[in-house]
Amino acid sequence: MRALSFLVGKGLLSKERADMLMSWKHSGFNVHRSRRVESDERDDLVRLAQYIIGLRPDTSAIRSLWKRCM
């Protein structure tokens, strides 16, 4: 819920979309959180927000982000 509230507050996710996401039955989705994305890492925050709302980057972008996180 905190992540969705953050995205709504920053204008990166609509309140309606956040409400819809909160209404979904839990599917067993897990989040890998070994690396925190800091507030000054704008590009990474945008990519993360886009991934969450379904604007998936291409696989090479995912691979690049993954390597930087390791």
C-alpha atoms as a PDB file:
ATOM      1  CA  MET A   1       0.000   0.000   0.000  1.00  0.00           C
ATOM      2  CA  ARG A   2       2.859   2.423   0.773  1.00  0.00           C
ATOM      3  CA  ALA A   3       4.293   1.958  -2.714  1.00  0.00           C
ATOM      4  CA  LEU A   4       0.953   2.678  -4.369  1.00  0.00           C
ATOM      5  CA  SER A   5       0.371   5.722  -2.148  1.00  0.00           C
ATOM      6  CA  PHE A   6       3.825   7.002  -3.074  1.00  0.00           C
ATOM      7  CA  LEU A   7       3.151   6.562  -6.800  1.00  0.00           C
ATOM      8  CA  VAL A   8      -0.251   8.243  -6.549  1.00  0.00           C
ATOM      9  CA  GLY A   9       1.282  11.122  -4.579  1.00  0.00           C
ATOM     10  CA  LYS A  10       3.939  11.641  -7.256  1.00  0.00           C
ATOM     11  CA  GLY A  11       1.370  11.571 -10.040  1.00  0.00           C
ATOM     12  CA  LEU A  12       2.839   8.390 -11.528  1.00  0.00           C
ATOM     13  CA  LEU A  13      -0.278   6.292 -10.869  1.00  0.00           C
ATOM     14  CA  SER A  14      -3.926   7.293 -10.835  1.00  0.00           C
ATOM     15  CA  LYS A  15      -6.003   6.835  -7.677  1.00  0.00           C
ATOM     16  CA  GLU A  16      -8.404   4.694  -9.703  1.00  0.00           C
ATOM     17  CA  ARG A  17      -5.593   2.357 -10.832  1.00  0.00           C
ATOM     18  CA  ALA A  18      -4.262   2.110  -7.262  1.00  0.00           C
ATOM     19  CA  ASP A  19      -7.753   1.229  -6.003  1.00  0.00           C
ATOM     20  CA  MET A  20      -8.072  -1.398  -8.725  1.00  0.00           C
ATOM     21  CA  LEU A  21      -4.714  -2.929  -7.792  1.00  0.00           C
ATOM     22  CA  MET A  22      -5.687  -3.010  -4.118  1.00  0.00           C
ATOM     23  CA  SER A  23      -8.926  -4.824  -4.973  1.00  0.00           C
ATOM     24  CA  TRP A  24      -7.121  -7.764  -6.610  1.00  0.00           C
ATOM     25  CA  LYS A  25      -6.976 -11.051  -4.771  1.00  0.00           C
ATOM     26  CA  HIS A  26      -3.404 -11.813  -3.676  1.00  0.00           C
ATOM     27  CA  SER A  27      -1.829 -14.079  -6.269  1.00  0.00           C
ATOM     28  CA  GLY A  28       1.361 -14.922  -4.408  1.00  0.00           C
ATOM     29  CA  PHE A  29       3.331 -12.121  -6.082  1.00  0.00           C
ATOM     30  CA  ASN A  30       6.675 -11.445  -4.394  1.00  0.00           C
ATOM     31  CA  VAL A  31       8.958  -8.443  -4.622  1.00  0.00           C
ATOM     32  CA  HIS A  32      12.733  -8.777  -4.718  1.00  0.00           C
ATOM     33  CA  ARG A  33      13.974  -6.017  -2.440  1.00  0.00           C
ATOM     34  CA  SER A  34      17.652  -6.633  -1.786  1.00  0.00           C
ATOM     35  CA  ARG A  35      18.522  -3.242  -3.303  1.00  0.00           C
ATOM     36  CA  ARG A  36      16.700  -0.080  -2.326  1.00  0.00           C
ATOM     37  CA  VAL A  37      16.044   2.464  -5.067  1.00  0.00           C
ATOM     38  CA  GLU A  38      16.894   5.824  -3.541  1.00  0.00           C
ATOM     39  CA  SER A  39      14.846   8.959  -4.159  1.00  0.00           C
ATOM     40  CA  ASP A  40      17.648  10.611  -6.160  1.00  0.00           C
ATOM     41  CA  GLU A  41      17.821   7.675  -8.618  1.00  0.00           C
ATOM     42  CA  ARG A  42      15.187   9.156 -10.901  1.00  0.00           C
ATOM     43  CA  ASP A  43      15.716   6.862 -13.898  1.00  0.00           C
ATOM     44  CA  ASP A  44      15.480   3.730 -11.744  1.00  0.00           C
ATOM     45  CA  LEU A  45      12.366   5.044  -9.963  1.00  0.00           C
ATOM     46  CA  VAL A  46      10.663   5.750 -13.281  1.00  0.00           C
ATOM     47  CA  ARG A  47      11.522   2.280 -14.608  1.00  0.00           C
ATOM     48  CA  LEU A  48      10.235   0.675 -11.412  1.00  0.00           C
ATOM     49  CA  ALA A  49       6.995   2.665 -11.528  1.00  0.00           C
ATOM     50  CA  GLN A  50       6.483   1.807 -15.196  1.00  0.00           C
ATOM     51  CA  TYR A  51       7.074  -1.871 -14.454  1.00  0.00           C
ATOM     52  CA  ILE A  52       4.567  -1.810 -11.596  1.00  0.00           C
ATOM     53  CA  ILE A  53       1.802  -0.229 -13.693  1.00  0.00           C
ATOM     54  CA  GLY A  54       2.378  -2.526 -16.637  1.00  0.00           C
ATOM     55  CA  LEU A  55       4.539  -0.483 -18.980  1.00  0.00           C
ATOM     56  CA  ARG A  56       7.158  -3.235 -19.123  1.00  0.00           C
ATOM     57  CA  PRO A  57      10.554  -2.247 -20.522  1.00  0.00           C
ATOM     58  CA  ASP A  58      12.195  -4.521 -23.043  1.00  0.00           C
ATOM     59  CA  THR A  59      14.230  -7.454 -21.746  1.00  0.00           C
ATOM     60  CA  SER A  60      17.572  -5.761 -22.387  1.00  0.00           C
ATOM     61  CA  ALA A  61      16.545  -2.890 -20.084  1.00  0.00           C
ATOM     62  CA  ILE A  62      15.516  -5.375 -17.395  1.00  0.00           C
ATOM     63  CA  ARG A  63      18.827  -7.228 -17.774  1.00  0.00           C
ATOM     64  CA  SER A  64      20.783  -3.967 -17.502  1.00  0.00           C
ATOM     65  CA  LEU A  65      18.909  -2.895 -14.373  1.00  0.00           C
ATOM     66  CA  TRP A  66      19.368  -6.360 -12.852  1.00  0.00           C
ATOM     67  CA  LYS A  67      23.138  -6.236 -13.422  1.00  0.00           C
ATOM     68  CA  ARG A  68      23.386  -2.815 -11.769  1.00  0.00           C
ATOM     69  CA  CYS A  69      21.495  -4.132  -8.759  1.00  0.00           C
ATOM     70  CA  MET A  70      23.881  -7.039  -8.222  1.00  0.00           C
END
